[in-house]
Amino acid sequence: MGRYKHHANVSPRQYPAAYQQGLQQAADSLQAYHYLRAAATQAYDEVPYSEGSSRTNFSFDKYTDHPLEPLVYLKIHLPSTPDELEFYVNGFRGVWENREGGILCCVADERPFWNLISNYHHAPDNTTGIASWDAILDQLKAGAGPEVVPCMFFARESGCLDPRCLFRHDKQACVQDLQYFLNQQRAATEEHARRVAFHRSHPAVHPLRVILPYIGGDAGIRRDLTRMQQYCNNLECLAGQWTPSQLDPCPYCNISRYCTRDCQLADWSRHREMCHLLQSMANQIKYYDIIGHPSVSGP
């Protein structure tokens, strides 16, 4: 098993767990595909959730190729500005799990997905904001089948385990998209590093040289401004302000900073959840840096 592979000979005797996973992949893909095809062909009705409600139900009685459950209580509206459309787009294109699963994976994220579908059908520019999605929807609307839709499991760790999968398995396109995503991540990381280096060499206290001459002799304001430096992340710390050199980073996430070990321990119950999230994000970026490096073949 492995990424970018279609395993066409998964034996239920030799690989029972993988075979069962393949059956689940087939069921999930089939359901997502028919919602996608109904979306492309407008084989649905939008019905207000209740009289005067801003929420919408989607009924698929018009779609006869496969039974689809209605979607209820969705907040749907045409994105009114390019920024609003971009907000939905970034929710899909900016998250690697959504990119590797492709448009079929994104069907499950109902509200943003159907808002983009609404824009595709009803906005003057008739776009979801994602060119590859527009191309797939255009082809489905013209009568194409699953062969034009990327498999939602092909680029994942297991690969596609459905021997009879009819969806597209394009390793070159997947690898190119991965490299594009990694380049974006690296650029963002490099920009962040430049910002950190700039702020370290230009501490926030430097602008006070410009500010202080204009505040006259108000000693209180002058005193408060000169204390505008980094604080201990323990919200109950009573030690006052600290300069960056006096604060030690959390050894796990390396972001939150504390004036003493006692402050870190005291703040752990509040910081724990965010710390785990920050670690996960850091590990994810590190992982993709590794698999995207030319000297590494990948998982």
C-alpha atoms as a PDB file:
ATOM      1  CA  MET A   1       0.000   0.000   0.000  1.00  0.00           C
ATOM      2  CA  GLY A   2       1.152   3.542  -0.513  1.00  0.00           C
ATOM      3  CA  ARG A   3       0.516   7.021  -1.792  1.00  0.00           C
ATOM      4  CA  TYR A   4      -0.111   7.626  -5.537  1.00  0.00           C
ATOM      5  CA  LYS A   5      -1.059   4.006  -6.218  1.00  0.00           C
ATOM      6  CA  HIS A   6      -4.224   2.288  -7.386  1.00  0.00           C
ATOM      7  CA  HIS A   7      -4.157  -1.136  -5.784  1.00  0.00           C
ATOM      8  CA  ALA A   8      -6.137  -3.179  -8.292  1.00  0.00           C
ATOM      9  CA  ASN A   9      -5.450  -6.589  -6.722  1.00  0.00           C
ATOM     10  CA  VAL A  10      -6.377  -6.279  -3.052  1.00  0.00           C
ATOM     11  CA  SER A  11      -7.216  -9.814  -1.966  1.00  0.00           C
ATOM     12  CA  PRO A  12      -9.777 -10.216   0.845  1.00  0.00           C
ATOM     13  CA  ARG A  13      -7.840 -13.263   2.041  1.00  0.00           C
ATOM     14  CA  GLN A  14      -4.330 -11.845   1.872  1.00  0.00           C
ATOM     15  CA  TYR A  15      -5.195  -8.279   2.939  1.00  0.00           C
ATOM     16  CA  PRO A  16      -8.572  -8.431   4.738  1.00  0.00           C
ATOM     17  CA  ALA A  17      -8.185  -5.060   6.476  1.00  0.00           C
ATOM     18  CA  ALA A  18      -7.134  -3.293   3.261  1.00  0.00           C
ATOM     19  CA  TYR A  19      -9.975  -4.977   1.384  1.00  0.00           C
ATOM     20  CA  GLN A  20     -12.537  -3.715   3.884  1.00  0.00           C
ATOM     21  CA  GLN A  21     -10.979  -0.249   3.702  1.00  0.00           C
ATOM     22  CA  GLY A  22     -11.309  -0.406  -0.075  1.00  0.00           C
ATOM     23  CA  LEU A  23     -15.016  -1.194   0.221  1.00  0.00           C
ATOM     24  CA  GLN A  24     -15.456   1.847   2.476  1.00  0.00           C
ATOM     25  CA  GLN A  25     -13.480   4.003   0.053  1.00  0.00           C
ATOM     26  CA  ALA A  26     -15.754   2.881  -2.783  1.00  0.00           C
ATOM     27  CA  ALA A  27     -18.904   3.713  -0.821  1.00  0.00           C
ATOM     28  CA  ASP A  28     -17.617   7.136   0.272  1.00  0.00           C
ATOM     29  CA  SER A  29     -16.445   8.004  -3.244  1.00  0.00           C
ATOM     30  CA  LEU A  30     -19.720   6.939  -4.844  1.00  0.00           C
ATOM     31  CA  GLN A  31     -21.799   9.055  -2.467  1.00  0.00           C
ATOM     32  CA  ALA A  32     -19.585  12.120  -2.904  1.00  0.00           C
ATOM     33  CA  TYR A  33     -19.564  11.689  -6.688  1.00  0.00           C
ATOM     34  CA  HIS A  34     -23.339  11.724  -6.985  1.00  0.00           C
ATOM     35  CA  TYR A  35     -23.633  14.842  -4.815  1.00  0.00           C
ATOM     36  CA  LEU A  36     -20.985  16.422  -7.059  1.00  0.00           C
ATOM     37  CA  ARG A  37     -22.791  15.381 -10.239  1.00  0.00           C
ATOM     38  CA  ALA A  38     -26.099  16.667  -8.880  1.00  0.00           C
ATOM     39  CA  ALA A  39     -24.349  19.958  -8.105  1.00  0.00           C
ATOM     40  CA  ALA A  40     -22.866  20.207 -11.600  1.00  0.00           C
ATOM     41  CA  THR A  41     -26.151  19.458 -13.387  1.00  0.00           C
ATOM     42  CA  GLN A  42     -28.300  21.521 -10.980  1.00  0.00           C
ATOM     43  CA  ALA A  43     -30.404  18.462 -10.188  1.00  0.00           C
ATOM     44  CA  TYR A  44     -31.534  19.890  -6.867  1.00  0.00           C
ATOM     45  CA  ASP A  45     -33.966  22.359  -5.361  1.00  0.00           C
ATOM     46  CA  GLU A  46     -33.198  24.983  -2.762  1.00  0.00           C
ATOM     47  CA  VAL A  47     -35.992  25.287  -0.221  1.00  0.00           C
ATOM     48  CA  PRO A  48     -36.082  27.712   2.747  1.00  0.00           C
ATOM     49  CA  TYR A  49     -35.584  25.861   6.010  1.00  0.00           C
ATOM     50  CA  SER A  50     -38.655  27.637   7.386  1.00  0.00           C
ATOM     51  CA  GLU A  51     -40.691  30.702   6.527  1.00  0.00           C
ATOM     52  CA  GLY A  52     -38.529  33.781   6.849  1.00  0.00           C
ATOM     53  CA  SER A  53     -35.418  31.707   7.605  1.00  0.00           C
ATOM     54  CA  SER A  54     -32.032  32.609   6.125  1.00  0.00           C
ATOM     55  CA  ARG A  55     -31.122  28.917   6.096  1.00  0.00           C
ATOM     56  CA  THR A  56     -31.667  26.603   3.142  1.00  0.00           C
ATOM     57  CA  ASN A  57     -32.474  22.925   2.615  1.00  0.00           C
ATOM     58  CA  PHE A  58     -31.272  21.118  -0.512  1.00  0.00           C
ATOM     59  CA  SER A  59     -33.624  18.501  -1.954  1.00  0.00           C
ATOM     60  CA  PHE A  60     -32.353  16.034  -4.571  1.00  0.00           C
ATOM     61  CA  ASP A  61     -35.626  14.595  -5.846  1.00  0.00           C
ATOM     62  CA  LYS A  62     -34.626  15.704  -9.349  1.00  0.00           C
ATOM     63  CA  TYR A  63     -31.535  13.527  -9.244  1.00  0.00           C
ATOM     64  CA  THR A  64     -32.510   9.978 -10.236  1.00  0.00           C
ATOM     65  CA  ASP A  65     -29.142   8.256 -10.750  1.00  0.00           C
ATOM     66  CA  HIS A  66     -28.557   7.555  -7.059  1.00  0.00           C
ATOM     67  CA  PRO A  67     -30.521   8.168  -3.846  1.00  0.00           C
ATOM     68  CA  LEU A  68     -29.252  11.255  -2.023  1.00  0.00           C
ATOM     69  CA  GLU A  69     -30.282  12.448   1.395  1.00  0.00           C
ATOM     70  CA  PRO A  70     -31.346  16.104   1.601  1.00  0.00           C
ATOM     71  CA  LEU A  71     -28.969  18.635   3.089  1.00  0.00           C
ATOM     72  CA  VAL A  72     -30.593  20.774   5.748  1.00  0.00           C
ATOM     73  CA  TYR A  73     -30.065  24.101   7.480  1.00  0.00           C
ATOM     74  CA  LEU A  74     -27.244  25.411   5.289  1.00  0.00           C
ATOM     75  CA  LYS A  75     -26.426  29.100   5.169  1.00  0.00           C
ATOM     76  CA  ILE A  76     -26.127  29.775   1.451  1.00  0.00           C
ATOM     77  CA  HIS A  77     -25.584  33.071  -0.330  1.00  0.00           C
ATOM     78  CA  LEU A  78     -23.674  34.328  -3.317  1.00  0.00           C
ATOM     79  CA  PRO A  79     -20.271  35.688  -2.266  1.00  0.00           C
ATOM     80  CA  SER A  80     -20.735  39.421  -2.657  1.00  0.00           C
ATOM     81  CA  THR A  81     -17.058  40.362  -3.058  1.00  0.00           C
ATOM     82  CA  PRO A  82     -13.888  38.723  -4.427  1.00  0.00           C
ATOM     83  CA  ASP A  83     -12.549  38.618  -0.852  1.00  0.00           C
ATOM     84  CA  GLU A  84     -15.566  36.638   0.319  1.00  0.00           C
ATOM     85  CA  LEU A  85     -15.151  34.139  -2.528  1.00  0.00           C
ATOM     86  CA  GLU A  86     -11.439  33.886  -1.727  1.00  0.00           C
ATOM     87  CA  PHE A  87     -12.289  33.110   1.909  1.00  0.00           C
ATOM     88  CA  TYR A  88     -14.170  29.969   0.840  1.00  0.00           C
ATOM     89  CA  VAL A  89     -11.540  29.042  -1.737  1.00  0.00           C
ATOM     90  CA  ASN A  90      -8.692  29.282   0.770  1.00  0.00           C
ATOM     91  CA  GLY A  91     -10.582  26.966   3.098  1.00  0.00           C
ATOM     92  CA  PHE A  92     -10.141  24.274   0.450  1.00  0.00           C
ATOM     93  CA  ARG A  93      -6.942  25.170  -1.407  1.00  0.00           C
ATOM     94  CA  GLY A  94      -5.040  26.247   1.714  1.00  0.00           C
ATOM     95  CA  VAL A  95      -5.535  22.939   3.567  1.00  0.00           C
ATOM     96  CA  TRP A  96      -3.441  20.019   2.374  1.00  0.00           C
ATOM     97  CA  GLU A  97      -5.966  17.333   3.388  1.00  0.00           C
ATOM     98  CA  ASN A  98      -8.507  18.981   1.070  1.00  0.00           C
ATOM     99  CA  ARG A  99      -6.035  19.293  -1.774  1.00  0.00           C
ATOM    100  CA  GLU A 100      -4.930  15.672  -1.643  1.00  0.00           C
ATOM    101  CA  GLY A 101      -8.548  14.465  -1.461  1.00  0.00           C
ATOM    102  CA  GLY A 102      -9.599  16.732  -4.318  1.00  0.00           C
ATOM    103  CA  ILE A 103     -13.068  17.985  -5.103  1.00  0.00           C
ATOM    104  CA  LEU A 104     -14.731  14.742  -3.944  1.00  0.00           C
ATOM    105  CA  CYS A 105     -13.272  15.191  -0.467  1.00  0.00           C
ATOM    106  CA  CYS A 106     -14.502  18.788  -0.342  1.00  0.00           C
ATOM    107  CA  VAL A 107     -18.121  17.813  -1.038  1.00  0.00           C
ATOM    108  CA  ALA A 108     -18.395  16.798   2.623  1.00  0.00           C
ATOM    109  CA  ASP A 109     -17.671  20.370   3.792  1.00  0.00           C
ATOM    110  CA  GLU A 110     -21.212  21.311   2.916  1.00  0.00           C
ATOM    111  CA  ARG A 111     -21.601  25.026   3.566  1.00  0.00           C
ATOM    112  CA  PRO A 112     -18.474  26.356   1.766  1.00  0.00           C
ATOM    113  CA  PHE A 113     -18.824  23.765  -1.006  1.00  0.00           C
ATOM    114  CA  TRP A 114     -22.411  24.697  -1.855  1.00  0.00           C
ATOM    115  CA  ASN A 115     -21.647  28.394  -1.598  1.00  0.00           C
ATOM    116  CA  LEU A 116     -19.020  27.919  -4.301  1.00  0.00           C
ATOM    117  CA  ILE A 117     -21.485  25.856  -6.349  1.00  0.00           C
ATOM    118  CA  SER A 118     -24.000  28.681  -6.002  1.00  0.00           C
ATOM    119  CA  ASN A 119     -21.392  31.112  -7.323  1.00  0.00           C
ATOM    120  CA  TYR A 120     -20.607  28.739 -10.202  1.00  0.00           C
ATOM    121  CA  HIS A 121     -24.234  28.642 -11.328  1.00  0.00           C
ATOM    122  CA  HIS A 122     -25.532  32.103 -10.486  1.00  0.00           C
ATOM    123  CA  ALA A 123     -22.701  34.652 -10.387  1.00  0.00           C
ATOM    124  CA  PRO A 124     -21.868  36.652 -13.538  1.00  0.00           C
ATOM    125  CA  ASP A 125     -18.416  35.038 -13.785  1.00  0.00           C
ATOM    126  CA  ASN A 126     -19.793  31.476 -13.280  1.00  0.00           C
ATOM    127  CA  THR A 127     -16.825  30.218 -11.288  1.00  0.00           C
ATOM    128  CA  THR A 128     -16.148  28.420  -8.046  1.00  0.00           C
ATOM    129  CA  GLY A 129     -12.928  30.389  -7.763  1.00  0.00           C
ATOM    130  CA  ILE A 130     -10.925  27.201  -8.389  1.00  0.00           C
ATOM    131  CA  ALA A 131     -10.106  26.644 -12.073  1.00  0.00           C
ATOM    132  CA  SER A 132      -9.696  22.872 -11.796  1.00  0.00           C
ATOM    133  CA  TRP A 133     -13.123  22.575 -10.142  1.00  0.00           C
ATOM    134  CA  ASP A 134     -14.723  24.661 -12.882  1.00  0.00           C
ATOM    135  CA  ALA A 135     -13.248  22.340 -15.518  1.00  0.00           C
ATOM    136  CA  ILE A 136     -14.594  19.241 -13.753  1.00  0.00           C
ATOM    137  CA  LEU A 137     -18.055  20.753 -13.274  1.00  0.00           C
ATOM    138  CA  ASP A 138     -18.164  21.833 -16.922  1.00  0.00           C
ATOM    139  CA  GLN A 139     -17.345  18.302 -18.067  1.00  0.00           C
ATOM    140  CA  LEU A 140     -19.878  16.674 -15.740  1.00  0.00           C
ATOM    141  CA  LYS A 141     -22.525  19.127 -16.913  1.00  0.00           C
ATOM    142  CA  ALA A 142     -21.698  18.130 -20.492  1.00  0.00           C
ATOM    143  CA  GLY A 143     -22.264  14.446 -19.728  1.00  0.00           C
ATOM    144  CA  ALA A 144     -18.851  13.154 -18.630  1.00  0.00           C
ATOM    145  CA  GLY A 145     -18.570  10.491 -15.934  1.00  0.00           C
ATOM    146  CA  PRO A 146     -16.276   9.648 -13.009  1.00  0.00           C
ATOM    147  CA  GLU A 147     -13.234   9.358 -15.265  1.00  0.00           C
ATOM    148  CA  VAL A 148     -12.826  13.161 -15.194  1.00  0.00           C
ATOM    149  CA  VAL A 149     -12.929  13.374 -11.387  1.00  0.00           C
ATOM    150  CA  PRO A 150      -9.729  12.770  -9.361  1.00  0.00           C
ATOM    151  CA  CYS A 151      -9.921   9.821  -6.948  1.00  0.00           C
ATOM    152  CA  MET A 152     -10.222  11.146  -3.396  1.00  0.00           C
ATOM    153  CA  PHE A 153      -7.929   8.466  -1.934  1.00  0.00           C
ATOM    154  CA  PHE A 154      -5.200   8.100  -4.585  1.00  0.00           C
ATOM    155  CA  ALA A 155      -2.944  10.820  -3.082  1.00  0.00           C
ATOM    156  CA  ARG A 156      -3.443   9.713   0.520  1.00  0.00           C
ATOM    157  CA  GLU A 157      -1.198   7.453   2.589  1.00  0.00           C
ATOM    158  CA  SER A 158      -3.129   4.276   1.756  1.00  0.00           C
ATOM    159  CA  GLY A 159      -3.551   4.969  -1.928  1.00  0.00           C
ATOM    160  CA  CYS A 160      -6.724   3.832  -3.690  1.00  0.00           C
ATOM    161  CA  LEU A 161      -7.757   0.424  -2.366  1.00  0.00           C
ATOM    162  CA  ASP A 162     -10.866  -0.023  -4.518  1.00  0.00           C
ATOM    163  CA  PRO A 163      -9.941  -2.442  -7.348  1.00  0.00           C
ATOM    164  CA  ARG A 164     -12.925  -1.287  -9.418  1.00  0.00           C
ATOM    165  CA  CYS A 165     -12.390   2.464  -8.881  1.00  0.00           C
ATOM    166  CA  LEU A 166     -13.415   4.441 -11.984  1.00  0.00           C
ATOM    167  CA  PHE A 167     -12.031   7.789 -10.874  1.00  0.00           C
ATOM    168  CA  ARG A 168      -8.919   9.440 -12.263  1.00  0.00           C
ATOM    169  CA  HIS A 169      -5.518   8.342 -10.930  1.00  0.00           C
ATOM    170  CA  ASP A 170      -2.999  10.931 -12.158  1.00  0.00           C
ATOM    171  CA  LYS A 171       0.258  10.684 -10.231  1.00  0.00           C
ATOM    172  CA  GLN A 172       1.986  13.472 -12.170  1.00  0.00           C
ATOM    173  CA  ALA A 173      -0.803  15.961 -11.446  1.00  0.00           C
ATOM    174  CA  CYS A 174      -0.832  14.996  -7.752  1.00  0.00           C
ATOM    175  CA  VAL A 175       2.938  15.355  -7.364  1.00  0.00           C
ATOM    176  CA  GLN A 176       2.916  18.708  -9.164  1.00  0.00           C
ATOM    177  CA  ASP A 177       0.159  19.969  -6.878  1.00  0.00           C
ATOM    178  CA  LEU A 178       2.093  18.767  -3.830  1.00  0.00           C
ATOM    179  CA  GLN A 179       5.213  20.590  -5.008  1.00  0.00           C
ATOM    180  CA  TYR A 180       3.199  23.760  -5.641  1.00  0.00           C
ATOM    181  CA  PHE A 181       1.706  23.557  -2.155  1.00  0.00           C
ATOM    182  CA  LEU A 182       5.136  22.987  -0.594  1.00  0.00           C
ATOM    183  CA  ASN A 183       6.590  25.955  -2.441  1.00  0.00           C
ATOM    184  CA  GLN A 184       3.808  28.113  -0.996  1.00  0.00           C
ATOM    185  CA  GLN A 185       4.517  26.781   2.499  1.00  0.00           C
ATOM    186  CA  ARG A 186       8.236  27.397   2.154  1.00  0.00           C
ATOM    187  CA  ALA A 187       7.659  30.918   0.854  1.00  0.00           C
ATOM    188  CA  ALA A 188       5.382  31.652   3.810  1.00  0.00           C
ATOM    189  CA  THR A 189       7.943  30.163   6.221  1.00  0.00           C
ATOM    190  CA  GLU A 190      10.768  32.206   4.691  1.00  0.00           C
ATOM    191  CA  GLU A 191       8.660  35.367   4.882  1.00  0.00           C
ATOM    192  CA  HIS A 192       7.902  34.632   8.535  1.00  0.00           C
ATOM    193  CA  ALA A 193      11.618  34.085   9.211  1.00  0.00           C
ATOM    194  CA  ARG A 194      12.422  37.431   7.582  1.00  0.00           C
ATOM    195  CA  ARG A 195       9.794  39.162   9.717  1.00  0.00           C
ATOM    196  CA  VAL A 196      11.159  37.554  12.892  1.00  0.00           C
ATOM    197  CA  ALA A 197      14.711  38.570  11.985  1.00  0.00           C
ATOM    198  CA  PHE A 198      13.553  42.123  11.252  1.00  0.00           C
ATOM    199  CA  HIS A 199      11.709  42.498  14.559  1.00  0.00           C
ATOM    200  CA  ARG A 200      14.629  41.031  16.483  1.00  0.00           C
ATOM    201  CA  SER A 201      16.964  43.584  14.948  1.00  0.00           C
ATOM    202  CA  HIS A 202      14.373  46.376  15.284  1.00  0.00           C
ATOM    203  CA  PRO A 203      12.749  45.950  18.711  1.00  0.00           C
ATOM    204  CA  ALA A 204       9.348  47.479  19.278  1.00  0.00           C
ATOM    205  CA  VAL A 205      10.875  49.968  21.700  1.00  0.00           C
ATOM    206  CA  HIS A 206      12.768  51.745  18.880  1.00  0.00           C
ATOM    207  CA  PRO A 207       9.753  53.772  17.628  1.00  0.00           C
ATOM    208  CA  LEU A 208       9.649  55.369  21.075  1.00  0.00           C
ATOM    209  CA  ARG A 209      12.593  57.474  19.971  1.00  0.00           C
ATOM    210  CA  VAL A 210      10.160  59.109  17.567  1.00  0.00           C
ATOM    211  CA  ILE A 211       7.155  59.141  19.911  1.00  0.00           C
ATOM    212  CA  LEU A 212       8.691  60.413  23.145  1.00  0.00           C
ATOM    213  CA  PRO A 213       9.662  63.912  21.950  1.00  0.00           C
ATOM    214  CA  TYR A 214       6.009  64.636  21.180  1.00  0.00           C
ATOM    215  CA  ILE A 215       4.406  63.650  24.479  1.00  0.00           C
ATOM    216  CA  GLY A 216       5.903  66.447  26.511  1.00  0.00           C
ATOM    217  CA  GLY A 217       6.599  66.022  30.170  1.00  0.00           C
ATOM    218  CA  ASP A 218       3.885  63.499  31.031  1.00  0.00           C
ATOM    219  CA  ALA A 219       6.051  61.115  33.003  1.00  0.00           C
ATOM    220  CA  GLY A 220       3.262  58.557  33.369  1.00  0.00           C
ATOM    221  CA  ILE A 221       2.801  58.169  29.615  1.00  0.00           C
ATOM    222  CA  ARG A 222       6.533  58.057  29.082  1.00  0.00           C
ATOM    223  CA  ARG A 223       6.884  55.335  31.710  1.00  0.00           C
ATOM    224  CA  ASP A 224       4.065  53.228  30.246  1.00  0.00           C
ATOM    225  CA  LEU A 225       5.367  53.529  26.697  1.00  0.00           C
ATOM    226  CA  THR A 226       8.850  52.428  27.660  1.00  0.00           C
ATOM    227  CA  ARG A 227       7.317  49.309  29.218  1.00  0.00           C
ATOM    228  CA  MET A 228       5.641  48.251  25.962  1.00  0.00           C
ATOM    229  CA  GLN A 229       7.739  45.142  25.613  1.00  0.00           C
ATOM    230  CA  GLN A 230       7.010  41.442  25.679  1.00  0.00           C
ATOM    231  CA  TYR A 231       4.846  40.014  28.458  1.00  0.00           C
ATOM    232  CA  CYS A 232       4.950  36.641  30.178  1.00  0.00           C
ATOM    233  CA  ASN A 233       2.203  34.405  28.701  1.00  0.00           C
ATOM    234  CA  ASN A 234       0.990  33.431  32.163  1.00  0.00           C
ATOM    235  CA  LEU A 235      -2.061  35.667  32.494  1.00  0.00           C
ATOM    236  CA  GLU A 236      -1.732  35.651  36.278  1.00  0.00           C
ATOM    237  CA  CYS A 237       1.908  36.650  36.307  1.00  0.00           C
ATOM    238  CA  LEU A 238       2.443  39.678  38.543  1.00  0.00           C
ATOM    239  CA  ALA A 239       6.077  40.252  37.682  1.00  0.00           C
ATOM    240  CA  GLY A 240       5.345  43.041  35.210  1.00  0.00           C
ATOM    241  CA  GLN A 241       6.947  43.551  31.823  1.00  0.00           C
ATOM    242  CA  TRP A 242       9.928  41.608  30.578  1.00  0.00           C
ATOM    243  CA  THR A 243      12.283  42.068  27.682  1.00  0.00           C
ATOM    244  CA  PRO A 244      12.442  39.220  25.122  1.00  0.00           C
ATOM    245  CA  SER A 245      15.867  38.154  26.370  1.00  0.00           C
ATOM    246  CA  GLN A 246      14.416  37.484  29.820  1.00  0.00           C
ATOM    247  CA  LEU A 247      11.627  35.201  28.569  1.00  0.00           C
ATOM    248  CA  ASP A 248      12.068  31.491  27.870  1.00  0.00           C
ATOM    249  CA  PRO A 249       9.970  29.796  25.164  1.00  0.00           C
ATOM    250  CA  CYS A 250       7.679  26.867  25.842  1.00  0.00           C
ATOM    251  CA  PRO A 251       9.871  23.809  25.128  1.00  0.00           C
ATOM    252  CA  TYR A 252       7.067  22.107  23.201  1.00  0.00           C
ATOM    253  CA  CYS A 253       5.637  24.728  20.800  1.00  0.00           C
ATOM    254  CA  ASN A 254       8.531  27.237  21.085  1.00  0.00           C
ATOM    255  CA  ILE A 255       6.044  30.120  20.727  1.00  0.00           C
ATOM    256  CA  SER A 256       4.551  31.028  24.109  1.00  0.00           C
ATOM    257  CA  ARG A 257       7.111  32.623  26.443  1.00  0.00           C
ATOM    258  CA  TYR A 258       7.443  32.731  30.208  1.00  0.00           C
ATOM    259  CA  CYS A 259       9.551  34.579  32.712  1.00  0.00           C
ATOM    260  CA  THR A 260      10.010  31.531  34.956  1.00  0.00           C
ATOM    261  CA  ARG A 261       9.453  27.788  34.949  1.00  0.00           C
ATOM    262  CA  ASP A 262       6.794  28.280  37.625  1.00  0.00           C
ATOM    263  CA  CYS A 263       4.827  30.567  35.307  1.00  0.00           C
ATOM    264  CA  GLN A 264       4.943  27.984  32.531  1.00  0.00           C
ATOM    265  CA  LEU A 265       3.622  25.275  34.863  1.00  0.00           C
ATOM    266  CA  ALA A 266       0.922  27.586  36.201  1.00  0.00           C
ATOM    267  CA  ASP A 267      -0.243  28.418  32.657  1.00  0.00           C
ATOM    268  CA  TRP A 268      -0.121  24.858  31.296  1.00  0.00           C
ATOM    269  CA  SER A 269      -3.800  24.030  31.861  1.00  0.00           C
ATOM    270  CA  ARG A 270      -4.785  27.049  29.735  1.00  0.00           C
ATOM    271  CA  HIS A 271      -1.993  26.705  27.162  1.00  0.00           C
ATOM    272  CA  ARG A 272      -2.137  22.897  26.691  1.00  0.00           C
ATOM    273  CA  GLU A 273      -4.720  22.725  23.898  1.00  0.00           C
ATOM    274  CA  MET A 274      -3.182  25.529  21.858  1.00  0.00           C
ATOM    275  CA  CYS A 275       0.296  24.077  22.449  1.00  0.00           C
ATOM    276  CA  HIS A 276      -0.742  20.731  20.948  1.00  0.00           C
ATOM    277  CA  LEU A 277      -2.257  22.508  17.957  1.00  0.00           C
ATOM    278  CA  LEU A 278       0.886  24.567  17.378  1.00  0.00           C
ATOM    279  CA  GLN A 279       3.042  21.433  17.623  1.00  0.00           C
ATOM    280  CA  SER A 280       0.815  19.681  15.087  1.00  0.00           C
ATOM    281  CA  MET A 281       1.084  22.585  12.664  1.00  0.00           C
ATOM    282  CA  ALA A 282       4.856  22.711  13.053  1.00  0.00           C
ATOM    283  CA  ASN A 283       5.194  18.957  12.533  1.00  0.00           C
ATOM    284  CA  GLN A 284       2.966  19.093   9.470  1.00  0.00           C
ATOM    285  CA  ILE A 285       5.043  21.800   7.844  1.00  0.00           C
ATOM    286  CA  LYS A 286       8.223  19.890   8.711  1.00  0.00           C
ATOM    287  CA  TYR A 287       6.772  16.672   7.278  1.00  0.00           C
ATOM    288  CA  TYR A 288       5.856  18.250   3.995  1.00  0.00           C
ATOM    289  CA  ASP A 289       9.218  19.964   3.784  1.00  0.00           C
ATOM    290  CA  ILE A 290      10.789  16.532   4.099  1.00  0.00           C
ATOM    291  CA  ILE A 291       8.689  14.724   1.535  1.00  0.00           C
ATOM    292  CA  GLY A 292       8.942  17.617  -0.869  1.00  0.00           C
ATOM    293  CA  HIS A 293      12.729  17.841  -0.778  1.00  0.00           C
ATOM    294  CA  PRO A 294      14.351  16.616  -4.022  1.00  0.00           C
ATOM    295  CA  SER A 295      16.652  14.256  -2.126  1.00  0.00           C
ATOM    296  CA  VAL A 296      13.771  12.397  -0.478  1.00  0.00           C
ATOM    297  CA  SER A 297      11.487  10.037  -2.400  1.00  0.00           C
ATOM    298  CA  GLY A 298       8.465  10.572  -0.119  1.00  0.00           C
ATOM    299  CA  PRO A 299       6.278   8.161   1.859  1.00  0.00           C
END
